[in-house]
Amino acid sequence: MRWAVILAGGTGSRFWPLSTPSTPKQLLPLSGSTSTAEQAVARLSGLVDLSRILVVTGASLAPRLQELLGLPPENILVEPRAASTGPALVWASWEACRRDSSAEVLSLHADWVIREEDAFRRIADFALTTARKYGRLVTVGIVPTRPDTGYGYIVPGTPLDDVARSVARFSEKPDAASALDLMAAGALWNSGLFAWPASVLFEQIRAFTPEIAPHVPLLSAGDVPGFFRSITPVSIDVGLLERSPAVAVVPGSFGWDDVGTWDALARVRRRDRTGNVAVGTVHFHQS
């Protein structure tokens, strides 16, 4: 029943000039010898079968990703247009449900760095189990290690059990002082790692996401281009998770980093004794 959806359509513009439209961040070996997209597929081993991994991307990247990742061609879902994460995840979850009516979906991004992969698999497994057990949309909140102003935060609410809690509210990219206050209150980083039964996602989309809900029947009719022409672009966070009362959060700590900026390389690559990070043949002089 378990499916994974890897979002791989971004350009990683903040990593220009290394990241370009033809070779975006997810195709770069930012933290090792292989690309972050390859690492994303590899870390799902033992959690989701390769035949049940779907990748959502654009037309220009689809051939390279299919070759690089070794997935069946039908598992590379090519968006007719970029419309943010909401439509992409609805389409991918619909496709999983079309192939498996009891599909449970794990959603992740192709450009993350995860340093503790066993811990990632344990938390992802728990998130999927929690989503099924409570009929919820589950987000994994990363235990913060610093008051980062580049991430959104999740404030946990009432407990569902010893680990999972409802979501009291989301806070999008606060200033430094607010981030410290959020950390002190037990808030978690919004990682973008989600889990849900596909049936619950569609139920909540129908109830809370008018930007997408009226157009879902086009997917059932096989009209994917029509669906993307009709919807209003919206992120899954804004369009659904911040509106739905059926959202839960589970905490995770597995060395997660979205490597959003050049500064992040100093967190995911080994530094020399003067604090420099080198990839390839590099000579530092008084640096």
C-alpha atoms as a PDB file:
ATOM      1  CA  MET A   1       0.000   0.000   0.000  1.00  0.00           C
ATOM      2  CA  ARG A   2       2.936   2.329   0.529  1.00  0.00           C
ATOM      3  CA  TRP A   3       3.920   4.789  -2.175  1.00  0.00           C
ATOM      4  CA  ALA A   4       6.469   7.588  -2.226  1.00  0.00           C
ATOM      5  CA  VAL A   5       6.240  10.823  -4.190  1.00  0.00           C
ATOM      6  CA  ILE A   6       9.486  12.686  -4.798  1.00  0.00           C
ATOM      7  CA  LEU A   7       9.082  16.305  -5.862  1.00  0.00           C
ATOM      8  CA  ALA A   8      11.896  17.086  -8.295  1.00  0.00           C
ATOM      9  CA  GLY A   9      10.690  20.034 -10.328  1.00  0.00           C
ATOM     10  CA  GLY A  10      12.489  22.992  -8.743  1.00  0.00           C
ATOM     11  CA  THR A  11      15.421  24.912 -10.210  1.00  0.00           C
ATOM     12  CA  GLY A  12      17.324  25.651  -6.992  1.00  0.00           C
ATOM     13  CA  SER A  13      17.764  29.258  -8.072  1.00  0.00           C
ATOM     14  CA  ARG A  14      19.544  30.234  -4.862  1.00  0.00           C
ATOM     15  CA  PHE A  15      22.393  27.916  -5.917  1.00  0.00           C
ATOM     16  CA  TRP A  16      23.071  29.837  -9.119  1.00  0.00           C
ATOM     17  CA  PRO A  17      25.451  29.655 -10.982  1.00  0.00           C
ATOM     18  CA  LEU A  18      26.055  26.017 -10.021  1.00  0.00           C
ATOM     19  CA  SER A  19      22.350  25.186 -10.199  1.00  0.00           C
ATOM     20  CA  THR A  20      20.838  26.006 -13.608  1.00  0.00           C
ATOM     21  CA  PRO A  21      17.510  25.185 -15.297  1.00  0.00           C
ATOM     22  CA  SER A  22      19.202  22.340 -17.198  1.00  0.00           C
ATOM     23  CA  THR A  23      21.126  21.042 -14.161  1.00  0.00           C
ATOM     24  CA  PRO A  24      19.170  22.075 -11.074  1.00  0.00           C
ATOM     25  CA  LYS A  25      20.114  21.482  -7.468  1.00  0.00           C
ATOM     26  CA  GLN A  26      18.568  17.997  -7.249  1.00  0.00           C
ATOM     27  CA  LEU A  27      20.940  16.750  -9.967  1.00  0.00           C
ATOM     28  CA  LEU A  28      24.056  17.995  -8.164  1.00  0.00           C
ATOM     29  CA  PRO A  29      26.262  15.978  -5.783  1.00  0.00           C
ATOM     30  CA  LEU A  30      25.939  18.513  -2.980  1.00  0.00           C
ATOM     31  CA  SER A  31      26.797  16.244  -0.066  1.00  0.00           C
ATOM     32  CA  GLY A  32      28.551  13.244  -1.601  1.00  0.00           C
ATOM     33  CA  SER A  33      29.476  11.553  -4.847  1.00  0.00           C
ATOM     34  CA  THR A  34      25.893  11.150  -6.111  1.00  0.00           C
ATOM     35  CA  SER A  35      23.084  13.629  -6.688  1.00  0.00           C
ATOM     36  CA  THR A  36      20.547  14.393  -3.996  1.00  0.00           C
ATOM     37  CA  ALA A  37      17.828  12.897  -6.253  1.00  0.00           C
ATOM     38  CA  GLU A  38      19.689   9.576  -6.337  1.00  0.00           C
ATOM     39  CA  GLN A  39      20.144   9.741  -2.587  1.00  0.00           C
ATOM     40  CA  ALA A  40      16.408  10.379  -2.137  1.00  0.00           C
ATOM     41  CA  VAL A  41      15.534   7.165  -3.983  1.00  0.00           C
ATOM     42  CA  ALA A  42      18.247   5.132  -2.262  1.00  0.00           C
ATOM     43  CA  ARG A  43      17.143   6.090   1.245  1.00  0.00           C
ATOM     44  CA  LEU A  44      13.658   4.714   0.559  1.00  0.00           C
ATOM     45  CA  SER A  45      15.116   1.208   0.254  1.00  0.00           C
ATOM     46  CA  GLY A  46      13.306  -1.143   2.623  1.00  0.00           C
ATOM     47  CA  LEU A  47      10.520   1.389   3.165  1.00  0.00           C
ATOM     48  CA  VAL A  48       8.905   1.744  -0.279  1.00  0.00           C
ATOM     49  CA  ASP A  49       9.365  -0.595  -3.214  1.00  0.00           C
ATOM     50  CA  LEU A  50      11.123   0.920  -6.226  1.00  0.00           C
ATOM     51  CA  SER A  51       8.079   0.198  -8.400  1.00  0.00           C
ATOM     52  CA  ARG A  52       5.994   2.422  -6.100  1.00  0.00           C
ATOM     53  CA  ILE A  53       8.177   5.520  -6.191  1.00  0.00           C
ATOM     54  CA  LEU A  54       6.748   8.352  -8.285  1.00  0.00           C
ATOM     55  CA  VAL A  55       8.777  11.399  -9.309  1.00  0.00           C
ATOM     56  CA  VAL A  56       7.070  14.669 -10.262  1.00  0.00           C
ATOM     57  CA  THR A  57       9.153  16.920 -12.479  1.00  0.00           C
ATOM     58  CA  GLY A  58       9.156  19.070 -15.596  1.00  0.00           C
ATOM     59  CA  ALA A  59       9.510  17.981 -19.206  1.00  0.00           C
ATOM     60  CA  SER A  60      13.100  19.194 -19.532  1.00  0.00           C
ATOM     61  CA  LEU A  61      14.331  17.094 -16.590  1.00  0.00           C
ATOM     62  CA  ALA A  62      12.233  13.963 -16.995  1.00  0.00           C
ATOM     63  CA  PRO A  63      14.548  12.013 -19.360  1.00  0.00           C
ATOM     64  CA  ARG A  64      17.632  12.648 -17.240  1.00  0.00           C
ATOM     65  CA  LEU A  65      15.866  11.748 -14.001  1.00  0.00           C
ATOM     66  CA  GLN A  66      14.448   8.558 -15.440  1.00  0.00           C
ATOM     67  CA  GLU A  67      17.878   7.466 -16.624  1.00  0.00           C
ATOM     68  CA  LEU A  68      19.592   8.528 -13.408  1.00  0.00           C
ATOM     69  CA  LEU A  69      17.087   6.978 -11.003  1.00  0.00           C
ATOM     70  CA  GLY A  70      16.303   3.773 -12.882  1.00  0.00           C
ATOM     71  CA  LEU A  71      12.550   4.056 -12.329  1.00  0.00           C
ATOM     72  CA  PRO A  72       9.900   2.729 -14.729  1.00  0.00           C
ATOM     73  CA  PRO A  73       8.996   5.395 -17.329  1.00  0.00           C
ATOM     74  CA  GLU A  74       5.397   5.454 -16.111  1.00  0.00           C
ATOM     75  CA  ASN A  75       6.639   6.495 -12.650  1.00  0.00           C
ATOM     76  CA  ILE A  76       8.066   9.777 -13.954  1.00  0.00           C
ATOM     77  CA  LEU A  77       5.140  12.197 -13.841  1.00  0.00           C
ATOM     78  CA  VAL A  78       5.732  15.208 -16.084  1.00  0.00           C
ATOM     79  CA  GLU A  79       3.846  18.342 -15.061  1.00  0.00           C
ATOM     80  CA  PRO A  80       2.282  20.214 -17.987  1.00  0.00           C
ATOM     81  CA  ARG A  81       3.150  23.390 -16.073  1.00  0.00           C
ATOM     82  CA  ALA A  82       4.744  24.219 -12.739  1.00  0.00           C
ATOM     83  CA  ALA A  83       1.913  25.011 -10.312  1.00  0.00           C
ATOM     84  CA  SER A  84       3.517  24.589  -6.867  1.00  0.00           C
ATOM     85  CA  THR A  85       3.306  21.580  -4.576  1.00  0.00           C
ATOM     86  CA  GLY A  86      -0.458  21.374  -4.087  1.00  0.00           C
ATOM     87  CA  PRO A  87      -1.465  20.275  -7.598  1.00  0.00           C
ATOM     88  CA  ALA A  88       1.685  18.161  -7.946  1.00  0.00           C
ATOM     89  CA  LEU A  89       0.926  16.146  -4.810  1.00  0.00           C
ATOM     90  CA  VAL A  90      -2.761  15.822  -5.605  1.00  0.00           C
ATOM     91  CA  TRP A  91      -1.929  14.464  -9.060  1.00  0.00           C
ATOM     92  CA  ALA A  92       0.725  12.079  -7.756  1.00  0.00           C
ATOM     93  CA  SER A  93      -1.524  10.843  -4.941  1.00  0.00           C
ATOM     94  CA  TRP A  94      -4.354  10.362  -7.435  1.00  0.00           C
ATOM     95  CA  GLU A  95      -1.990   8.334  -9.643  1.00  0.00           C
ATOM     96  CA  ALA A  96      -0.950   6.164  -6.686  1.00  0.00           C
ATOM     97  CA  CYS A  97      -4.617   5.659  -5.802  1.00  0.00           C
ATOM     98  CA  ARG A  98      -5.467   4.799  -9.418  1.00  0.00           C
ATOM     99  CA  ARG A  99      -2.928   1.974  -9.305  1.00  0.00           C
ATOM    100  CA  ASP A 100      -3.669   0.965  -5.706  1.00  0.00           C
ATOM    101  CA  SER A 101      -7.011   1.999  -4.198  1.00  0.00           C
ATOM    102  CA  SER A 102      -5.645   1.728  -0.639  1.00  0.00           C
ATOM    103  CA  ALA A 103      -2.497   3.744  -1.339  1.00  0.00           C
ATOM    104  CA  GLU A 104      -0.671   5.450   1.504  1.00  0.00           C
ATOM    105  CA  VAL A 105       1.656   8.202   0.323  1.00  0.00           C
ATOM    106  CA  LEU A 106       4.938   9.523   1.664  1.00  0.00           C
ATOM    107  CA  SER A 107       5.918  12.860   0.127  1.00  0.00           C
ATOM    108  CA  LEU A 108       9.492  14.163   0.086  1.00  0.00           C
ATOM    109  CA  HIS A 109      11.765  16.441  -1.930  1.00  0.00           C
ATOM    110  CA  ALA A 110      14.616  15.450  -4.227  1.00  0.00           C
ATOM    111  CA  ASP A 111      17.076  18.048  -2.978  1.00  0.00           C
ATOM    112  CA  TRP A 112      17.452  17.239   0.719  1.00  0.00           C
ATOM    113  CA  VAL A 113      20.501  16.022   2.567  1.00  0.00           C
ATOM    114  CA  ILE A 114      19.793  13.400   5.246  1.00  0.00           C
ATOM    115  CA  ARG A 115      22.738  12.342   7.380  1.00  0.00           C
ATOM    116  CA  GLU A 116      21.021   9.647   9.497  1.00  0.00           C
ATOM    117  CA  GLU A 117      19.192   7.490   6.989  1.00  0.00           C
ATOM    118  CA  ASP A 118      18.130   4.707   9.364  1.00  0.00           C
ATOM    119  CA  ALA A 119      16.530   7.312  11.616  1.00  0.00           C
ATOM    120  CA  PHE A 120      14.826   8.855   8.575  1.00  0.00           C
ATOM    121  CA  ARG A 121      13.287   5.500   7.629  1.00  0.00           C
ATOM    122  CA  ARG A 122      12.074   4.913  11.202  1.00  0.00           C
ATOM    123  CA  ILE A 123      10.391   8.320  11.375  1.00  0.00           C
ATOM    124  CA  ALA A 124       8.916   7.995   7.876  1.00  0.00           C
ATOM    125  CA  ASP A 125       7.531   4.577   8.791  1.00  0.00           C
ATOM    126  CA  PHE A 126       6.024   6.022  11.975  1.00  0.00           C
ATOM    127  CA  ALA A 127       4.503   8.941  10.054  1.00  0.00           C
ATOM    128  CA  LEU A 128       2.810   6.570   7.594  1.00  0.00           C
ATOM    129  CA  THR A 129       1.549   4.401  10.451  1.00  0.00           C
ATOM    130  CA  THR A 130       0.228   7.460  12.304  1.00  0.00           C
ATOM    131  CA  ALA A 131      -1.527   8.748   9.184  1.00  0.00           C
ATOM    132  CA  ARG A 132      -3.301   5.431   8.732  1.00  0.00           C
ATOM    133  CA  LYS A 133      -4.105   4.962  12.435  1.00  0.00           C
ATOM    134  CA  TYR A 134      -5.731   8.360  12.927  1.00  0.00           C
ATOM    135  CA  GLY A 135      -6.880   9.137   9.386  1.00  0.00           C
ATOM    136  CA  ARG A 136      -4.729  12.258   9.336  1.00  0.00           C
ATOM    137  CA  LEU A 137      -2.439  14.256   7.120  1.00  0.00           C
ATOM    138  CA  VAL A 138       0.876  13.914   8.940  1.00  0.00           C
ATOM    139  CA  THR A 139       3.822  16.272   8.705  1.00  0.00           C
ATOM    140  CA  VAL A 140       7.216  15.444  10.168  1.00  0.00           C
ATOM    141  CA  GLY A 141       8.545  18.320  12.235  1.00  0.00           C
ATOM    142  CA  ILE A 142      12.303  18.528  12.572  1.00  0.00           C
ATOM    143  CA  VAL A 143      13.636  19.230  16.048  1.00  0.00           C
ATOM    144  CA  PRO A 144      15.406  22.586  15.450  1.00  0.00           C
ATOM    145  CA  THR A 145      19.102  23.000  16.127  1.00  0.00           C
ATOM    146  CA  ARG A 146      19.231  26.775  15.596  1.00  0.00           C
ATOM    147  CA  PRO A 147      16.790  29.711  15.240  1.00  0.00           C
ATOM    148  CA  ASP A 148      16.756  29.508  11.454  1.00  0.00           C
ATOM    149  CA  THR A 149      14.703  32.244   9.791  1.00  0.00           C
ATOM    150  CA  GLY A 150      14.611  30.449   6.440  1.00  0.00           C
ATOM    151  CA  TYR A 151      12.281  27.661   7.593  1.00  0.00           C
ATOM    152  CA  GLY A 152       8.638  27.524   8.511  1.00  0.00           C
ATOM    153  CA  TYR A 153       7.752  26.311  12.016  1.00  0.00           C
ATOM    154  CA  ILE A 154       5.018  24.030  13.361  1.00  0.00           C
ATOM    155  CA  VAL A 155       3.552  24.586  16.828  1.00  0.00           C
ATOM    156  CA  PRO A 156       2.277  21.229  18.157  1.00  0.00           C
ATOM    157  CA  GLY A 157      -1.164  21.106  19.753  1.00  0.00           C
ATOM    158  CA  THR A 158      -3.030  18.479  21.753  1.00  0.00           C
ATOM    159  CA  PRO A 159      -1.520  14.960  21.953  1.00  0.00           C
ATOM    160  CA  LEU A 160      -2.929  12.101  19.896  1.00  0.00           C
ATOM    161  CA  ASP A 161      -0.637   9.625  21.659  1.00  0.00           C
ATOM    162  CA  ASP A 162       2.778   9.648  23.332  1.00  0.00           C
ATOM    163  CA  VAL A 163       4.466  10.977  20.154  1.00  0.00           C
ATOM    164  CA  ALA A 164       1.985  12.364  17.617  1.00  0.00           C
ATOM    165  CA  ARG A 165       0.153  15.625  18.233  1.00  0.00           C
ATOM    166  CA  SER A 166      -2.357  17.751  16.422  1.00  0.00           C
ATOM    167  CA  VAL A 167      -1.079  20.983  14.888  1.00  0.00           C
ATOM    168  CA  ALA A 168      -1.932  24.190  16.734  1.00  0.00           C
ATOM    169  CA  ARG A 169      -0.589  26.500  14.030  1.00  0.00           C
ATOM    170  CA  PHE A 170       2.060  27.095  11.395  1.00  0.00           C
ATOM    171  CA  SER A 171       4.478  30.034  11.445  1.00  0.00           C
ATOM    172  CA  GLU A 172       6.106  30.874   8.124  1.00  0.00           C
ATOM    173  CA  LYS A 173       9.753  32.038   8.193  1.00  0.00           C
ATOM    174  CA  PRO A 174       9.764  34.142  11.377  1.00  0.00           C
ATOM    175  CA  ASP A 175      12.370  36.733  12.309  1.00  0.00           C
ATOM    176  CA  ALA A 176      15.229  35.690  14.598  1.00  0.00           C
ATOM    177  CA  ALA A 177      13.573  36.768  17.851  1.00  0.00           C
ATOM    178  CA  SER A 178      10.316  35.010  16.951  1.00  0.00           C
ATOM    179  CA  ALA A 179      12.241  31.890  15.945  1.00  0.00           C
ATOM    180  CA  LEU A 180      13.851  31.761  19.393  1.00  0.00           C
ATOM    181  CA  ASP A 181      10.439  32.146  21.022  1.00  0.00           C
ATOM    182  CA  LEU A 182       9.036  29.371  18.847  1.00  0.00           C
ATOM    183  CA  MET A 183      11.906  27.052  19.753  1.00  0.00           C
ATOM    184  CA  ALA A 184      11.356  27.771  23.432  1.00  0.00           C
ATOM    185  CA  ALA A 185       7.687  26.862  22.980  1.00  0.00           C
ATOM    186  CA  GLY A 186       8.607  23.490  21.449  1.00  0.00           C
ATOM    187  CA  ALA A 187       7.958  24.384  17.813  1.00  0.00           C
ATOM    188  CA  LEU A 188       9.453  22.232  15.066  1.00  0.00           C
ATOM    189  CA  TRP A 189      10.780  23.006  11.590  1.00  0.00           C
ATOM    190  CA  ASN A 190       8.316  22.262   8.807  1.00  0.00           C
ATOM    191  CA  SER A 191      10.415  19.840   6.777  1.00  0.00           C
ATOM    192  CA  GLY A 192       8.015  19.135   3.910  1.00  0.00           C
ATOM    193  CA  LEU A 193       8.071  15.411   4.715  1.00  0.00           C
ATOM    194  CA  PHE A 194       4.401  14.377   4.669  1.00  0.00           C
ATOM    195  CA  ALA A 195       2.392  11.172   4.939  1.00  0.00           C
ATOM    196  CA  TRP A 196      -1.268  10.459   4.269  1.00  0.00           C
ATOM    197  CA  PRO A 197      -3.706   7.848   3.038  1.00  0.00           C
ATOM    198  CA  ALA A 198      -4.624   9.060  -0.449  1.00  0.00           C
ATOM    199  CA  SER A 199      -8.321   8.812   0.420  1.00  0.00           C
ATOM    200  CA  VAL A 200      -7.846  11.220   3.356  1.00  0.00           C
ATOM    201  CA  LEU A 201      -5.957  13.689   1.175  1.00  0.00           C
ATOM    202  CA  PHE A 202      -8.805  13.847  -1.364  1.00  0.00           C
ATOM    203  CA  GLU A 203     -11.400  14.158   1.375  1.00  0.00           C
ATOM    204  CA  GLN A 204      -9.565  17.129   2.854  1.00  0.00           C
ATOM    205  CA  ILE A 205      -8.853  18.703  -0.545  1.00  0.00           C
ATOM    206  CA  ARG A 206     -12.572  18.608  -1.349  1.00  0.00           C
ATOM    207  CA  ALA A 207     -13.380  20.309   1.943  1.00  0.00           C
ATOM    208  CA  PHE A 208     -10.647  22.950   2.197  1.00  0.00           C
ATOM    209  CA  THR A 209      -8.894  23.633  -1.130  1.00  0.00           C
ATOM    210  CA  PRO A 210     -11.138  25.415  -3.635  1.00  0.00           C
ATOM    211  CA  GLU A 211      -8.104  26.197  -5.785  1.00  0.00           C
ATOM    212  CA  ILE A 212      -7.879  22.492  -6.677  1.00  0.00           C
ATOM    213  CA  ALA A 213     -10.992  20.571  -5.577  1.00  0.00           C
ATOM    214  CA  PRO A 214     -13.381  21.431  -8.455  1.00  0.00           C
ATOM    215  CA  HIS A 215     -10.843  20.227 -10.994  1.00  0.00           C
ATOM    216  CA  VAL A 216      -9.973  16.809  -9.538  1.00  0.00           C
ATOM    217  CA  PRO A 217     -12.642  15.102 -11.732  1.00  0.00           C
ATOM    218  CA  LEU A 218     -10.460  16.014 -14.716  1.00  0.00           C
ATOM    219  CA  LEU A 219      -7.843  13.597 -13.359  1.00  0.00           C
ATOM    220  CA  SER A 220     -10.463  10.853 -13.175  1.00  0.00           C
ATOM    221  CA  ALA A 221     -11.280  11.592 -16.820  1.00  0.00           C
ATOM    222  CA  GLY A 222      -7.596  11.227 -17.735  1.00  0.00           C
ATOM    223  CA  ASP A 223      -7.267  14.918 -18.590  1.00  0.00           C
ATOM    224  CA  VAL A 224      -4.058  15.821 -16.751  1.00  0.00           C
ATOM    225  CA  PRO A 225      -3.314  18.851 -19.004  1.00  0.00           C
ATOM    226  CA  GLY A 226      -6.840  20.136 -18.374  1.00  0.00           C
ATOM    227  CA  PHE A 227      -6.371  19.720 -14.623  1.00  0.00           C
ATOM    228  CA  PHE A 228      -3.180  21.774 -14.653  1.00  0.00           C
ATOM    229  CA  ARG A 229      -4.745  24.433 -16.898  1.00  0.00           C
ATOM    230  CA  SER A 230      -7.714  24.799 -14.576  1.00  0.00           C
ATOM    231  CA  ILE A 231      -6.213  24.852 -11.091  1.00  0.00           C
ATOM    232  CA  THR A 232      -4.859  27.862  -9.265  1.00  0.00           C
ATOM    233  CA  PRO A 233      -1.219  27.287  -8.261  1.00  0.00           C
ATOM    234  CA  VAL A 234      -0.966  26.848  -4.494  1.00  0.00           C
ATOM    235  CA  SER A 235       1.401  25.057  -2.133  1.00  0.00           C
ATOM    236  CA  ILE A 236       0.129  22.070  -0.180  1.00  0.00           C
ATOM    237  CA  ASP A 237       0.989  23.942   3.014  1.00  0.00           C
ATOM    238  CA  VAL A 238      -1.039  27.076   2.243  1.00  0.00           C
ATOM    239  CA  GLY A 239      -3.771  25.357   0.261  1.00  0.00           C
ATOM    240  CA  LEU A 240      -4.478  22.525   2.679  1.00  0.00           C
ATOM    241  CA  LEU A 241      -2.309  21.933   5.742  1.00  0.00           C
ATOM    242  CA  GLU A 242      -2.844  25.414   7.187  1.00  0.00           C
ATOM    243  CA  ARG A 243      -6.629  25.068   6.695  1.00  0.00           C
ATOM    244  CA  SER A 244      -7.418  21.473   7.580  1.00  0.00           C
ATOM    245  CA  PRO A 245      -8.194  20.368  11.169  1.00  0.00           C
ATOM    246  CA  ALA A 246      -7.038  16.846  10.279  1.00  0.00           C
ATOM    247  CA  VAL A 247      -3.298  17.562  10.413  1.00  0.00           C
ATOM    248  CA  ALA A 248      -0.919  15.894  12.850  1.00  0.00           C
ATOM    249  CA  VAL A 249       2.789  16.321  13.490  1.00  0.00           C
ATOM    250  CA  VAL A 250       5.413  13.839  14.628  1.00  0.00           C
ATOM    251  CA  PRO A 251       8.893  15.010  15.650  1.00  0.00           C
ATOM    252  CA  GLY A 252      11.988  13.834  13.810  1.00  0.00           C
ATOM    253  CA  SER A 253      15.718  14.195  14.208  1.00  0.00           C
ATOM    254  CA  PHE A 254      17.793  12.628  11.445  1.00  0.00           C
ATOM    255  CA  GLY A 255      20.267  15.238  10.245  1.00  0.00           C
ATOM    256  CA  TRP A 256      17.863  16.882   7.787  1.00  0.00           C
ATOM    257  CA  ASP A 257      18.949  19.887   5.726  1.00  0.00           C
ATOM    258  CA  ASP A 258      17.236  21.285   2.647  1.00  0.00           C
ATOM    259  CA  VAL A 259      20.558  22.811   1.512  1.00  0.00           C
ATOM    260  CA  GLY A 260      18.721  25.929   0.455  1.00  0.00           C
ATOM    261  CA  THR A 261      21.699  28.274   0.172  1.00  0.00           C
ATOM    262  CA  TRP A 262      25.449  28.243  -0.415  1.00  0.00           C
ATOM    263  CA  ASP A 263      25.973  28.686   3.325  1.00  0.00           C
ATOM    264  CA  ALA A 264      24.340  25.288   3.871  1.00  0.00           C
ATOM    265  CA  LEU A 265      27.276  23.491   2.225  1.00  0.00           C
ATOM    266  CA  ALA A 266      29.331  24.225   5.329  1.00  0.00           C
ATOM    267  CA  ARG A 267      26.769  22.175   7.297  1.00  0.00           C
ATOM    268  CA  VAL A 268      26.688  19.148   4.995  1.00  0.00           C
ATOM    269  CA  ARG A 269      30.312  19.009   3.809  1.00  0.00           C
ATOM    270  CA  ARG A 270      33.425  18.493   5.891  1.00  0.00           C
ATOM    271  CA  ARG A 271      35.333  21.676   6.670  1.00  0.00           C
ATOM    272  CA  ASP A 272      39.099  21.986   6.912  1.00  0.00           C
ATOM    273  CA  ARG A 273      40.765  23.374  10.020  1.00  0.00           C
ATOM    274  CA  THR A 274      40.239  26.963   8.840  1.00  0.00           C
ATOM    275  CA  GLY A 275      36.544  26.409   8.143  1.00  0.00           C
ATOM    276  CA  ASN A 276      36.672  26.092   4.360  1.00  0.00           C
ATOM    277  CA  VAL A 277      34.719  23.557   2.314  1.00  0.00           C
ATOM    278  CA  ALA A 278      36.351  22.261  -0.850  1.00  0.00           C
ATOM    279  CA  VAL A 279      34.812  20.027  -3.538  1.00  0.00           C
ATOM    280  CA  GLY A 280      37.222  18.900  -6.248  1.00  0.00           C
ATOM    281  CA  THR A 281      40.773  20.101  -6.769  1.00  0.00           C
ATOM    282  CA  VAL A 282      40.952  23.370  -4.871  1.00  0.00           C
ATOM    283  CA  HIS A 283      43.877  25.342  -3.464  1.00  0.00           C
ATOM    284  CA  PHE A 284      43.179  27.829  -0.671  1.00  0.00           C
ATOM    285  CA  HIS A 285      45.539  30.751  -0.108  1.00  0.00           C
ATOM    286  CA  GLN A 286      45.099  32.802   3.056  1.00  0.00           C
ATOM    287  CA  SER A 287      41.393  31.951   3.006  1.00  0.00           C
END
